[in-house]
Structure formats: structure tokens, C-alpha cells
């Protein structure tokens, strides 16, 4: 079968989510390194966002759309549940994480540490995001207390979508401390961080 070309950056949470999806499905893939708004990305995504995918003559953008395609084209464990309610819950949590949690957890927190302006982290943005996370992380913790996953009893793309964010939150002081106060999130991360798909897609450290 034609090898998938995933175009993006390994440290990107959305790119890594697609790489994890490929690993879970056992789909052969290669990562082509490209930044947002670069020519190979702009050729597929109308707004230049990563990741994008090429599979033979097929081109797709947006991580959830790519994961849906992988789920239908390749064998292996389901990324999206078949049962209607669990499928709806997967969609629900993907939407919540992407629209409500990505901004405070990743854009206004992790990236403010990772790419500080003038060499100093933006404390205003970071402190505001910490206050938001104080309300959001308990919501996730409660959701995981029901079945141990976000959508039913099986690991799904909703979980992949969250795990790639938790990986970074554990690396910075305030978010790591907040996570230590959770029971279900900590157990969830400990379990799923042992998955081969997670280990095989850990982004390289800067400078390596």
C-alpha cells in the first residue's frame, strides 16, 4: 500500500496526534518536516496549518479529518467508536479540547514558555492560563473517572488528542503541579504513555 506522507513538525500536538493515529492503525507513513505556511503545507491547507497529509493522489488537512480517513482506509484498532453514543462522545471531547482547552493549555501556556519573547516567558498569559487550567483539568479528571477514557471503554482519537497535550503539561511547573492533584488524569497518562504509538512519536528534544 502507498506510504502516507504526513507533512508537519513532530513537536506540534496536532501533527503528533496524526502520527499516533498512524501508529495505532499500523499504517505505513513518513514524516516530511515542514513549518506552517510553508509551500508544501500551503499547497494542501487553505490556511497553512499543520499537519497535512498526502496519500497517493489524495490530499487532506486538519488532524481529525486525517484520522477519520485513516480509520476507514486502514485495518487495526478503531480510532473512532462504532457505537453511536461513544462516537458522539468522541466527537464531543475532540471539539471541547480543540476549541476550549488548546488555547489556554498550549498556545497561551506551553508555547509562552517554549518560545519566550525577549527571552522571558509571558507571565501575564501564563498566569491567566494557569487560572483557566485550575477549572479545566478537574473537568477532564471527572470525565475520565467514568470509564478511564474520554469516549467509552476503548482508547480512541479523543484520547490521542488529549495525550499529546498532557505530554507537554507535565514538563512545566504550574501545570505539572496541577496534574499531580488529579487522580484519574495521572492514572490515565501513566497507562497510555506506555502505548507504543505514544513512545514512538515522542518529539526530539531541541538540538538533538
N, C-alpha and C. Protein backbone atom coordinates (compact mmCIF):
# COMPACT_ATOMS: atom_id res chain seq x y z
N UNK A 1 0.84 -1.19 0.00
CA UNK A 1 0.00 0.00 0.00
C UNK A 1 0.87 1.24 0.00
N UNK A 2 0.42 2.29 -0.66
CA UNK A 2 1.18 3.53 -0.73
C UNK A 2 1.43 4.09 0.66
N UNK A 3 2.66 4.52 0.89
CA UNK A 3 3.01 5.11 2.18
C UNK A 3 2.38 6.48 2.34
N UNK A 4 1.83 6.72 3.51
CA UNK A 4 1.27 8.03 3.83
C UNK A 4 2.40 9.04 4.01
N UNK A 5 2.21 10.23 3.51
CA UNK A 5 3.13 11.32 3.79
C UNK A 5 2.42 12.29 4.72
N UNK A 6 2.93 12.41 5.93
CA UNK A 6 2.40 13.36 6.90
C UNK A 6 3.36 14.55 6.90
N UNK A 7 2.84 15.72 6.63
CA UNK A 7 3.66 16.91 6.48
C UNK A 7 3.40 17.84 7.66
N UNK A 8 4.45 18.14 8.41
CA UNK A 8 4.30 18.99 9.58
C UNK A 8 5.54 18.95 10.44
N UNK A 9 5.40 19.25 11.71
CA UNK A 9 6.51 19.27 12.66
C UNK A 9 6.21 18.30 13.79
N UNK A 10 7.18 17.45 14.14
CA UNK A 10 6.99 16.45 15.18
C UNK A 10 6.57 17.05 16.53
N UNK A 11 7.10 18.22 16.94
CA UNK A 11 6.69 18.77 18.24
C UNK A 11 5.25 19.30 18.26
N UNK A 12 4.64 19.53 17.10
CA UNK A 12 3.27 20.03 17.05
C UNK A 12 2.31 19.00 17.63
N UNK A 13 1.44 19.42 18.53
CA UNK A 13 0.49 18.48 19.13
C UNK A 13 -0.42 17.87 18.06
N UNK A 14 -0.87 18.68 17.12
CA UNK A 14 -1.78 18.16 16.11
C UNK A 14 -1.06 17.22 15.15
N UNK A 15 0.18 17.53 14.82
CA UNK A 15 0.95 16.61 13.98
C UNK A 15 1.17 15.30 14.71
N UNK A 16 1.57 15.39 15.97
CA UNK A 16 1.83 14.16 16.72
C UNK A 16 0.57 13.32 16.87
N UNK A 17 -0.58 13.96 17.02
CA UNK A 17 -1.83 13.21 17.11
C UNK A 17 -2.04 12.36 15.86
N UNK A 18 -1.74 12.92 14.70
CA UNK A 18 -1.89 12.15 13.45
C UNK A 18 -0.84 11.04 13.38
N UNK A 19 0.38 11.32 13.82
CA UNK A 19 1.40 10.26 13.82
C UNK A 19 1.00 9.13 14.76
N UNK A 20 0.45 9.46 15.92
CA UNK A 20 -0.05 8.42 16.82
C UNK A 20 -1.16 7.62 16.17
N UNK A 21 -2.04 8.29 15.45
CA UNK A 21 -3.13 7.59 14.76
C UNK A 21 -2.56 6.60 13.74
N UNK A 22 -1.55 7.02 13.00
CA UNK A 22 -0.90 6.12 12.04
C UNK A 22 -0.33 4.90 12.75
N UNK A 23 0.34 5.15 13.88
CA UNK A 23 0.93 4.05 14.65
C UNK A 23 -0.13 3.09 15.16
N UNK A 24 -1.21 3.63 15.69
CA UNK A 24 -2.29 2.78 16.21
C UNK A 24 -2.88 1.91 15.11
N UNK A 25 -3.01 2.45 13.91
CA UNK A 25 -3.60 1.71 12.79
C UNK A 25 -2.59 0.81 12.08
N UNK A 26 -1.30 0.95 12.40
CA UNK A 26 -0.29 0.19 11.69
C UNK A 26 -0.14 0.64 10.25
N UNK A 27 -0.44 1.91 9.99
CA UNK A 27 -0.38 2.45 8.63
C UNK A 27 1.05 2.92 8.33
N UNK A 28 1.64 2.49 7.23
CA UNK A 28 2.98 2.95 6.89
C UNK A 28 2.98 4.44 6.57
N UNK A 29 3.92 5.17 7.18
CA UNK A 29 3.92 6.62 6.97
C UNK A 29 5.35 7.15 7.03
N UNK A 30 5.52 8.32 6.50
CA UNK A 30 6.76 9.06 6.67
C UNK A 30 6.40 10.50 7.03
N UNK A 31 7.22 11.11 7.87
CA UNK A 31 7.01 12.49 8.25
C UNK A 31 7.90 13.38 7.40
N UNK A 32 7.30 14.28 6.68
CA UNK A 32 8.03 15.30 5.94
C UNK A 32 8.00 16.58 6.77
N UNK A 33 9.17 17.04 7.18
CA UNK A 33 9.24 18.19 8.06
C UNK A 33 8.95 19.47 7.28
N UNK A 34 7.95 20.21 7.74
CA UNK A 34 7.60 21.48 7.11
C UNK A 34 6.89 22.35 8.13
N UNK A 35 7.16 23.63 8.08
CA UNK A 35 6.56 24.57 9.01
C UNK A 35 5.19 25.02 8.51
N UNK A 36 4.36 25.56 9.42
CA UNK A 36 3.11 26.16 8.96
C UNK A 36 3.38 27.26 7.93
N UNK A 37 2.49 27.36 6.97
CA UNK A 37 2.54 28.38 5.93
C UNK A 37 3.70 28.21 4.95
N UNK A 38 4.39 27.07 5.02
CA UNK A 38 5.43 26.79 4.03
C UNK A 38 4.77 26.27 2.76
N UNK A 39 5.46 26.32 1.62
CA UNK A 39 4.84 25.91 0.35
C UNK A 39 4.19 24.54 0.36
N UNK A 40 4.85 23.47 0.91
CA UNK A 40 4.18 22.17 0.87
C UNK A 40 2.91 22.10 1.71
N UNK A 41 2.85 22.91 2.77
CA UNK A 41 1.66 22.96 3.61
C UNK A 41 0.57 23.81 2.94
N UNK A 42 0.97 24.96 2.43
CA UNK A 42 0.01 25.84 1.75
C UNK A 42 -0.64 25.17 0.55
N UNK A 43 0.07 24.21 -0.05
CA UNK A 43 -0.47 23.52 -1.23
C UNK A 43 -1.67 22.65 -0.89
N UNK A 44 -1.83 22.32 0.42
CA UNK A 44 -2.91 21.43 0.82
C UNK A 44 -3.89 22.10 1.77
N UNK A 45 -3.39 22.88 2.72
CA UNK A 45 -4.27 23.54 3.70
C UNK A 45 -4.53 24.97 3.27
N UNK A 46 -5.77 25.37 3.13
CA UNK A 46 -6.07 26.73 2.64
C UNK A 46 -5.61 27.83 3.59
N UNK A 47 -5.35 27.46 4.88
CA UNK A 47 -4.88 28.46 5.84
C UNK A 47 -3.48 28.13 6.37
N UNK A 48 -2.81 27.19 5.71
CA UNK A 48 -1.41 26.93 6.00
C UNK A 48 -1.11 26.27 7.33
N UNK A 49 -2.08 25.54 7.89
CA UNK A 49 -1.86 24.90 9.19
C UNK A 49 -1.34 23.48 9.03
N UNK A 50 -0.63 23.01 10.06
CA UNK A 50 -0.12 21.64 10.07
C UNK A 50 -0.92 20.82 11.08
N UNK A 51 -1.01 19.48 10.80
CA UNK A 51 -0.40 18.74 9.69
C UNK A 51 -1.30 18.71 8.46
N UNK A 52 -0.69 18.30 7.36
CA UNK A 52 -1.44 17.93 6.17
C UNK A 52 -0.97 16.54 5.74
N UNK A 53 -1.75 15.90 4.90
CA UNK A 53 -1.47 14.52 4.50
C UNK A 53 -1.56 14.36 3.00
N UNK A 54 -0.67 13.53 2.48
CA UNK A 54 -0.76 13.12 1.08
C UNK A 54 -0.69 11.59 1.05
N UNK A 55 -1.63 10.98 0.34
CA UNK A 55 -1.67 9.51 0.22
C UNK A 55 -1.95 9.20 -1.24
N UNK A 56 -0.88 8.99 -2.00
CA UNK A 56 -1.06 8.85 -3.43
C UNK A 56 -1.57 10.16 -4.00
N UNK A 57 -2.72 10.12 -4.64
CA UNK A 57 -3.31 11.33 -5.21
C UNK A 57 -4.24 12.06 -4.23
N UNK A 58 -4.38 11.51 -3.03
CA UNK A 58 -5.31 12.07 -2.05
C UNK A 58 -4.58 13.05 -1.14
N UNK A 59 -5.17 14.22 -0.94
CA UNK A 59 -4.61 15.22 -0.06
C UNK A 59 -5.66 15.64 0.96
N UNK A 60 -5.25 15.75 2.22
CA UNK A 60 -6.18 16.14 3.29
C UNK A 60 -5.47 17.05 4.28
N UNK A 61 -6.26 17.90 4.94
CA UNK A 61 -5.75 18.71 6.03
C UNK A 61 -6.68 18.57 7.23
N UNK A 62 -6.21 19.06 8.37
CA UNK A 62 -6.92 19.00 9.65
C UNK A 62 -6.79 17.60 10.27
N UNK A 63 -6.29 17.57 11.50
CA UNK A 63 -5.91 16.30 12.14
C UNK A 63 -7.08 15.34 12.29
N UNK A 64 -8.25 15.84 12.67
CA UNK A 64 -9.39 14.93 12.85
C UNK A 64 -9.84 14.35 11.52
N UNK A 65 -9.84 15.15 10.47
CA UNK A 65 -10.22 14.63 9.15
C UNK A 65 -9.24 13.57 8.69
N UNK A 66 -7.96 13.81 8.93
CA UNK A 66 -6.94 12.82 8.55
C UNK A 66 -7.14 11.54 9.34
N UNK A 67 -7.40 11.67 10.65
CA UNK A 67 -7.61 10.47 11.47
C UNK A 67 -8.84 9.70 11.03
N UNK A 68 -9.90 10.40 10.66
CA UNK A 68 -11.10 9.73 10.15
C UNK A 68 -10.78 8.94 8.88
N UNK A 69 -10.00 9.52 8.02
CA UNK A 69 -9.59 8.84 6.78
C UNK A 69 -8.79 7.58 7.12
N UNK A 70 -7.83 7.72 8.01
CA UNK A 70 -7.01 6.56 8.40
C UNK A 70 -7.88 5.44 8.96
N UNK A 71 -8.87 5.82 9.75
CA UNK A 71 -9.71 4.83 10.40
C UNK A 71 -10.51 4.01 9.40
N UNK A 72 -10.88 4.64 8.30
CA UNK A 72 -11.71 3.96 7.31
C UNK A 72 -10.89 3.22 6.25
N UNK A 73 -9.66 3.64 6.04
CA UNK A 73 -8.85 3.06 4.97
C UNK A 73 -7.97 1.92 5.46
N UNK A 74 -7.53 1.98 6.70
CA UNK A 74 -6.58 1.01 7.22
C UNK A 74 -7.22 0.10 8.25
N UNK A 75 -6.71 -1.12 8.32
CA UNK A 75 -7.13 -2.06 9.36
C UNK A 75 -6.54 -1.61 10.70
N UNK A 76 -6.79 -2.42 11.72
CA UNK A 76 -6.26 -2.09 13.03
C UNK A 76 -7.34 -1.58 13.95
N UNK A 77 -6.98 -1.28 15.19
CA UNK A 77 -7.97 -0.83 16.18
C UNK A 77 -8.70 0.43 15.70
N UNK A 78 -9.96 0.52 16.06
CA UNK A 78 -10.77 1.67 15.66
C UNK A 78 -10.28 2.93 16.38
N UNK A 79 -10.17 4.02 15.63
CA UNK A 79 -9.84 5.31 16.21
C UNK A 79 -11.09 6.06 16.66
N UNK A 80 -12.21 5.73 16.05
CA UNK A 80 -13.49 6.34 16.40
C UNK A 80 -14.48 5.21 16.67
N UNK A 81 -15.17 5.25 17.80
CA UNK A 81 -16.07 4.15 18.16
C UNK A 81 -17.19 3.97 17.14
N UNK A 82 -17.66 2.72 17.03
CA UNK A 82 -18.82 2.43 16.18
C UNK A 82 -20.13 2.70 16.90
N UNK A 83 -20.15 2.45 18.20
CA UNK A 83 -21.38 2.64 18.97
C UNK A 83 -21.77 4.11 18.94
N UNK A 84 -23.02 4.44 18.61
CA UNK A 84 -23.41 5.83 18.37
C UNK A 84 -23.10 6.79 19.52
N UNK A 85 -23.41 6.39 20.75
CA UNK A 85 -23.19 7.29 21.87
C UNK A 85 -21.70 7.52 22.11
N UNK A 86 -20.92 6.44 22.05
CA UNK A 86 -19.47 6.59 22.24
C UNK A 86 -18.86 7.41 21.10
N UNK A 87 -19.36 7.22 19.88
CA UNK A 87 -18.88 8.01 18.75
C UNK A 87 -19.18 9.49 18.97
N UNK A 88 -20.38 9.77 19.47
CA UNK A 88 -20.74 11.16 19.74
C UNK A 88 -19.88 11.75 20.85
N UNK A 89 -19.59 10.95 21.86
CA UNK A 89 -18.74 11.45 22.95
C UNK A 89 -17.31 11.70 22.47
N UNK A 90 -16.82 10.88 21.56
CA UNK A 90 -15.50 11.14 20.99
C UNK A 90 -15.50 12.48 20.27
N UNK A 91 -16.50 12.71 19.45
CA UNK A 91 -16.61 14.00 18.75
C UNK A 91 -16.72 15.15 19.76
N UNK A 92 -17.49 14.93 20.79
CA UNK A 92 -17.69 15.95 21.82
C UNK A 92 -16.38 16.36 22.44
N UNK A 93 -15.57 15.38 22.87
CA UNK A 93 -14.34 15.70 23.59
C UNK A 93 -13.25 16.22 22.67
N UNK A 94 -13.23 15.77 21.44
CA UNK A 94 -12.29 16.34 20.48
C UNK A 94 -12.59 17.82 20.29
N UNK A 95 -13.86 18.14 20.15
CA UNK A 95 -14.27 19.53 19.97
C UNK A 95 -13.96 20.37 21.21
N UNK A 96 -14.28 19.85 22.39
CA UNK A 96 -14.01 20.59 23.62
C UNK A 96 -12.53 20.87 23.79
N UNK A 97 -11.71 19.86 23.60
CA UNK A 97 -10.27 20.04 23.77
C UNK A 97 -9.72 21.02 22.74
N UNK A 98 -10.16 20.89 21.49
CA UNK A 98 -9.61 21.75 20.44
C UNK A 98 -10.08 23.19 20.53
N UNK A 99 -11.33 23.40 20.95
CA UNK A 99 -11.87 24.75 20.94
C UNK A 99 -11.77 25.47 22.27
N UNK A 100 -11.75 24.71 23.39
CA UNK A 100 -11.76 25.34 24.70
C UNK A 100 -10.46 25.18 25.48
N UNK A 101 -9.71 24.11 25.23
CA UNK A 101 -8.55 23.79 26.05
C UNK A 101 -7.22 24.00 25.36
N UNK A 102 -7.19 23.87 24.05
CA UNK A 102 -5.92 24.04 23.33
C UNK A 102 -5.35 25.44 23.54
N UNK A 103 -6.18 26.45 23.51
CA UNK A 103 -5.68 27.82 23.63
C UNK A 103 -5.02 28.08 24.98
N UNK A 104 -5.70 27.82 26.11
CA UNK A 104 -5.03 28.09 27.38
C UNK A 104 -3.91 27.11 27.71
N UNK A 105 -4.05 25.87 27.31
CA UNK A 105 -3.05 24.87 27.70
C UNK A 105 -1.81 24.88 26.80
N UNK A 106 -2.02 25.10 25.51
CA UNK A 106 -0.91 25.02 24.56
C UNK A 106 -0.48 26.41 24.08
N UNK A 107 -1.38 27.12 23.42
CA UNK A 107 -0.99 28.40 22.79
C UNK A 107 -0.55 29.44 23.81
N UNK A 108 -1.32 29.58 24.91
CA UNK A 108 -1.04 30.65 25.87
C UNK A 108 -0.28 30.18 27.10
N UNK A 109 0.14 28.91 27.11
CA UNK A 109 0.91 28.41 28.25
C UNK A 109 2.20 27.74 27.78
N UNK A 110 2.06 26.56 27.18
CA UNK A 110 3.26 25.82 26.75
C UNK A 110 4.11 26.66 25.80
N UNK A 111 3.48 27.25 24.80
CA UNK A 111 4.26 27.99 23.80
C UNK A 111 4.84 29.28 24.37
N UNK A 112 4.22 29.83 25.41
CA UNK A 112 4.77 31.03 26.03
C UNK A 112 6.04 30.70 26.82
N UNK A 113 6.14 29.47 27.30
CA UNK A 113 7.38 29.01 27.92
C UNK A 113 8.40 28.62 26.85
N UNK A 114 7.95 27.87 25.84
CA UNK A 114 8.87 27.31 24.86
C UNK A 114 9.46 28.37 23.93
N UNK A 115 8.68 29.39 23.63
CA UNK A 115 9.13 30.44 22.71
C UNK A 115 8.93 31.81 23.35
N UNK A 116 9.70 32.10 24.40
CA UNK A 116 9.51 33.38 25.10
C UNK A 116 9.93 34.57 24.25
N UNK A 117 9.19 35.65 24.37
CA UNK A 117 9.54 36.88 23.68
C UNK A 117 10.58 37.63 24.52
N UNK A 118 11.59 38.15 23.85
CA UNK A 118 12.68 38.88 24.53
C UNK A 118 13.35 38.04 25.60
N UNK A 119 13.30 36.70 25.41
CA UNK A 119 13.99 35.81 26.34
C UNK A 119 13.28 35.58 27.65
N UNK A 120 12.09 36.14 27.83
CA UNK A 120 11.36 35.98 29.08
C UNK A 120 9.96 35.44 28.82
N UNK A 121 9.56 34.41 29.56
CA UNK A 121 8.19 33.92 29.40
C UNK A 121 7.17 35.00 29.69
N UNK A 122 6.07 34.96 28.97
CA UNK A 122 4.99 35.94 29.13
C UNK A 122 4.17 35.56 30.37
N UNK A 123 4.53 36.17 31.51
CA UNK A 123 3.89 35.78 32.76
C UNK A 123 2.41 36.13 32.79
N UNK A 124 2.01 37.20 32.12
CA UNK A 124 0.59 37.56 32.10
C UNK A 124 -0.23 36.45 31.46
N UNK A 125 0.22 35.98 30.29
CA UNK A 125 -0.50 34.91 29.59
C UNK A 125 -0.42 33.61 30.36
N UNK A 126 0.76 33.30 30.90
CA UNK A 126 0.94 32.05 31.63
C UNK A 126 0.07 32.02 32.88
N UNK A 127 0.09 33.08 33.66
CA UNK A 127 -0.69 33.11 34.90
C UNK A 127 -2.19 33.02 34.62
N UNK A 128 -2.64 33.68 33.56
CA UNK A 128 -4.06 33.60 33.21
C UNK A 128 -4.43 32.18 32.79
N UNK A 129 -3.54 31.53 32.07
CA UNK A 129 -3.80 30.16 31.63
C UNK A 129 -3.83 29.20 32.80
N UNK A 130 -2.97 29.42 33.79
CA UNK A 130 -2.97 28.57 34.97
C UNK A 130 -4.31 28.65 35.67
N UNK A 131 -4.86 29.85 35.79
CA UNK A 131 -6.17 30.00 36.42
C UNK A 131 -7.25 29.26 35.64
N UNK A 132 -7.17 29.29 34.32
CA UNK A 132 -8.12 28.55 33.49
C UNK A 132 -7.95 27.05 33.68
N UNK A 133 -6.71 26.59 33.71
CA UNK A 133 -6.46 25.16 33.89
C UNK A 133 -6.95 24.64 35.23
N UNK A 134 -6.99 25.51 36.22
CA UNK A 134 -7.49 25.10 37.53
C UNK A 134 -8.95 24.66 37.45
N UNK A 135 -9.68 25.19 36.49
CA UNK A 135 -11.09 24.78 36.31
C UNK A 135 -11.21 23.68 35.26
N UNK A 136 -10.33 23.67 34.26
CA UNK A 136 -10.48 22.71 33.16
C UNK A 136 -9.95 21.32 33.49
N UNK A 137 -8.84 21.24 34.19
CA UNK A 137 -8.28 19.91 34.48
C UNK A 137 -9.21 19.07 35.35
N UNK A 138 -9.88 19.64 36.36
CA UNK A 138 -10.85 18.83 37.10
C UNK A 138 -12.00 18.32 36.24
N UNK A 139 -12.39 19.08 35.21
CA UNK A 139 -13.44 18.61 34.31
C UNK A 139 -12.98 17.36 33.57
N UNK A 140 -11.75 17.39 33.09
CA UNK A 140 -11.19 16.20 32.43
C UNK A 140 -11.06 15.04 33.41
N UNK A 141 -10.60 15.35 34.61
CA UNK A 141 -10.42 14.31 35.62
C UNK A 141 -11.74 13.61 35.92
N UNK A 142 -12.79 14.40 36.02
CA UNK A 142 -14.12 13.83 36.29
C UNK A 142 -14.60 12.99 35.11
N UNK A 143 -14.37 13.46 33.90
CA UNK A 143 -14.81 12.71 32.72
C UNK A 143 -14.13 11.35 32.64
N UNK A 144 -12.86 11.32 33.00
CA UNK A 144 -12.11 10.06 32.92
C UNK A 144 -12.48 9.10 34.04
N UNK A 145 -13.11 9.61 35.08
CA UNK A 145 -13.49 8.75 36.19
C UNK A 145 -14.57 7.76 35.84
N UNK A 146 -15.27 7.95 34.73
CA UNK A 146 -16.39 7.06 34.38
C UNK A 146 -15.90 5.75 33.78
N UNK A 147 -15.06 5.83 32.77
CA UNK A 147 -14.61 4.60 32.09
C UNK A 147 -13.09 4.51 31.95
N UNK A 148 -12.38 5.57 32.31
CA UNK A 148 -10.93 5.58 32.13
C UNK A 148 -10.49 6.11 30.79
N UNK A 149 -11.45 6.40 29.90
CA UNK A 149 -11.18 7.01 28.61
C UNK A 149 -12.23 8.09 28.37
N UNK A 150 -12.01 8.92 27.37
CA UNK A 150 -12.95 10.02 27.13
C UNK A 150 -14.23 9.56 26.44
N UNK A 151 -14.15 8.48 25.66
CA UNK A 151 -15.32 8.05 24.88
C UNK A 151 -15.50 6.54 25.02
N UNK A 152 -16.23 6.12 26.03
CA UNK A 152 -16.44 4.69 26.22
C UNK A 152 -15.24 4.02 26.85
N UNK A 153 -15.16 2.73 26.70
CA UNK A 153 -14.12 1.96 27.37
C UNK A 153 -12.87 1.74 26.53
N UNK A 154 -12.92 2.11 25.26
CA UNK A 154 -11.78 1.87 24.37
C UNK A 154 -11.02 3.17 24.10
N UNK A 155 -9.72 3.05 23.97
CA UNK A 155 -8.86 4.16 23.59
C UNK A 155 -9.26 4.64 22.19
N UNK A 156 -9.38 5.95 22.02
CA UNK A 156 -9.84 6.49 20.75
C UNK A 156 -9.03 7.73 20.38
N UNK A 157 -9.37 8.31 19.23
CA UNK A 157 -8.67 9.52 18.81
C UNK A 157 -8.93 10.67 19.78
N UNK A 158 -10.06 10.65 20.48
CA UNK A 158 -10.29 11.65 21.52
C UNK A 158 -9.20 11.60 22.58
N UNK A 159 -8.76 10.40 22.93
CA UNK A 159 -7.69 10.24 23.91
C UNK A 159 -6.33 10.64 23.33
N UNK A 160 -6.08 10.27 22.10
CA UNK A 160 -4.84 10.70 21.44
C UNK A 160 -4.75 12.22 21.45
N UNK A 161 -5.85 12.86 21.13
CA UNK A 161 -5.92 14.32 21.04
C UNK A 161 -5.59 14.99 22.37
N UNK A 162 -5.91 14.32 23.47
CA UNK A 162 -5.60 14.84 24.80
C UNK A 162 -4.20 14.45 25.26
N UNK A 163 -3.79 13.24 25.00
CA UNK A 163 -2.50 12.75 25.47
C UNK A 163 -1.34 13.61 24.97
N UNK A 164 -1.42 14.08 23.73
CA UNK A 164 -0.32 14.88 23.19
C UNK A 164 -0.20 16.23 23.90
N UNK A 165 -1.29 16.70 24.49
CA UNK A 165 -1.25 17.93 25.28
C UNK A 165 -0.73 17.64 26.68
N UNK A 166 -1.20 16.57 27.29
CA UNK A 166 -0.73 16.22 28.63
C UNK A 166 0.78 16.01 28.67
N UNK A 167 1.34 15.50 27.57
CA UNK A 167 2.79 15.30 27.49
C UNK A 167 3.53 16.60 27.79
N UNK A 168 3.07 17.69 27.23
CA UNK A 168 3.73 18.97 27.45
C UNK A 168 3.38 19.57 28.81
N UNK A 169 2.14 19.41 29.25
CA UNK A 169 1.77 19.98 30.54
C UNK A 169 2.59 19.42 31.68
N UNK A 170 3.04 18.20 31.55
CA UNK A 170 3.84 17.59 32.60
C UNK A 170 5.26 18.17 32.66
N UNK A 171 5.64 18.98 31.69
CA UNK A 171 7.00 19.49 31.61
C UNK A 171 7.18 20.90 32.16
N UNK A 172 6.09 21.53 32.58
CA UNK A 172 6.18 22.90 33.06
C UNK A 172 5.59 22.98 34.47
N UNK A 173 6.13 23.87 35.30
CA UNK A 173 5.91 23.76 36.75
C UNK A 173 4.46 23.85 37.21
N UNK A 174 3.75 24.89 36.80
CA UNK A 174 2.40 25.08 37.32
C UNK A 174 1.45 23.97 36.87
N UNK A 175 1.51 23.62 35.57
CA UNK A 175 0.62 22.57 35.06
C UNK A 175 0.98 21.21 35.64
N UNK A 176 2.28 20.95 35.82
CA UNK A 176 2.69 19.67 36.43
C UNK A 176 2.15 19.56 37.85
N UNK A 177 2.20 20.67 38.59
CA UNK A 177 1.67 20.65 39.96
C UNK A 177 0.17 20.42 39.97
N UNK A 178 -0.55 21.04 39.04
CA UNK A 178 -1.99 20.84 38.96
C UNK A 178 -2.32 19.39 38.61
N UNK A 179 -1.56 18.81 37.70
CA UNK A 179 -1.82 17.41 37.32
C UNK A 179 -1.57 16.46 38.48
N UNK A 180 -0.60 16.79 39.32
CA UNK A 180 -0.32 15.94 40.47
C UNK A 180 -1.48 15.91 41.46
N UNK A 181 -2.35 16.89 41.37
CA UNK A 181 -3.51 16.94 42.26
C UNK A 181 -4.68 16.11 41.73
N UNK A 182 -4.55 15.59 40.51
CA UNK A 182 -5.63 14.79 39.93
C UNK A 182 -5.36 13.31 40.15
N UNK A 183 -6.40 12.55 40.21
CA UNK A 183 -6.28 11.10 40.37
C UNK A 183 -6.42 10.39 39.04
N UNK A 184 -7.51 10.68 38.34
CA UNK A 184 -7.80 9.95 37.11
C UNK A 184 -6.89 10.36 35.96
N UNK A 185 -6.60 11.65 35.84
CA UNK A 185 -5.71 12.10 34.78
C UNK A 185 -4.32 11.51 34.92
N UNK A 186 -3.82 11.44 36.14
CA UNK A 186 -2.48 10.89 36.36
C UNK A 186 -2.45 9.40 36.02
N UNK A 187 -3.48 8.66 36.43
CA UNK A 187 -3.53 7.23 36.11
C UNK A 187 -3.69 7.02 34.61
N UNK A 188 -4.50 7.85 33.99
CA UNK A 188 -4.74 7.80 32.54
C UNK A 188 -3.45 8.02 31.77
N UNK A 189 -2.70 9.03 32.17
CA UNK A 189 -1.44 9.32 31.49
C UNK A 189 -0.44 8.19 31.71
N UNK A 190 -0.34 7.69 32.93
CA UNK A 190 0.60 6.61 33.22
C UNK A 190 0.29 5.38 32.36
N UNK A 191 -0.98 5.08 32.17
CA UNK A 191 -1.37 3.92 31.37
C UNK A 191 -1.06 4.13 29.90
N UNK A 192 -1.55 5.23 29.34
CA UNK A 192 -1.48 5.40 27.89
C UNK A 192 -0.11 5.88 27.39
N UNK A 193 0.70 6.43 28.29
CA UNK A 193 2.05 6.81 27.87
C UNK A 193 2.93 5.59 27.63
N UNK A 194 2.45 4.42 28.00
CA UNK A 194 3.18 3.17 27.71
C UNK A 194 2.82 2.59 26.35
N UNK A 195 1.85 3.15 25.68
CA UNK A 195 1.46 2.65 24.37
C UNK A 195 2.62 2.85 23.37
N UNK A 196 2.88 1.87 22.52
CA UNK A 196 3.93 2.05 21.50
C UNK A 196 3.69 3.28 20.64
N UNK A 197 2.43 3.58 20.32
CA UNK A 197 2.14 4.75 19.49
C UNK A 197 2.60 6.04 20.16
N UNK A 198 2.51 6.09 21.47
CA UNK A 198 2.94 7.27 22.21
C UNK A 198 4.46 7.34 22.26
N UNK A 199 5.08 6.22 22.61
CA UNK A 199 6.54 6.21 22.73
C UNK A 199 7.22 6.45 21.39
N UNK A 200 6.65 5.90 20.33
CA UNK A 200 7.29 6.01 19.01
C UNK A 200 7.17 7.40 18.40
N UNK A 201 6.34 8.27 18.99
CA UNK A 201 6.13 9.59 18.41
C UNK A 201 6.59 10.72 19.33
N UNK A 202 7.31 10.39 20.39
CA UNK A 202 7.83 11.44 21.28
C UNK A 202 8.73 12.34 20.45
N UNK A 203 8.47 13.64 20.44
CA UNK A 203 9.28 14.53 19.60
C UNK A 203 10.70 14.65 20.11
N UNK A 204 11.65 14.87 19.23
CA UNK A 204 13.04 15.01 19.66
C UNK A 204 13.22 16.26 20.50
N UNK A 205 14.15 16.19 21.43
CA UNK A 205 14.49 17.36 22.22
C UNK A 205 15.15 18.41 21.34
N UNK A 206 14.93 19.69 21.63
CA UNK A 206 15.60 20.72 20.83
C UNK A 206 17.11 20.52 20.82
N UNK A 207 17.69 20.62 19.64
CA UNK A 207 19.13 20.47 19.50
C UNK A 207 19.60 19.05 19.30
N UNK A 208 18.63 18.07 19.28
CA UNK A 208 19.03 16.66 19.06
C UNK A 208 18.61 16.22 17.67
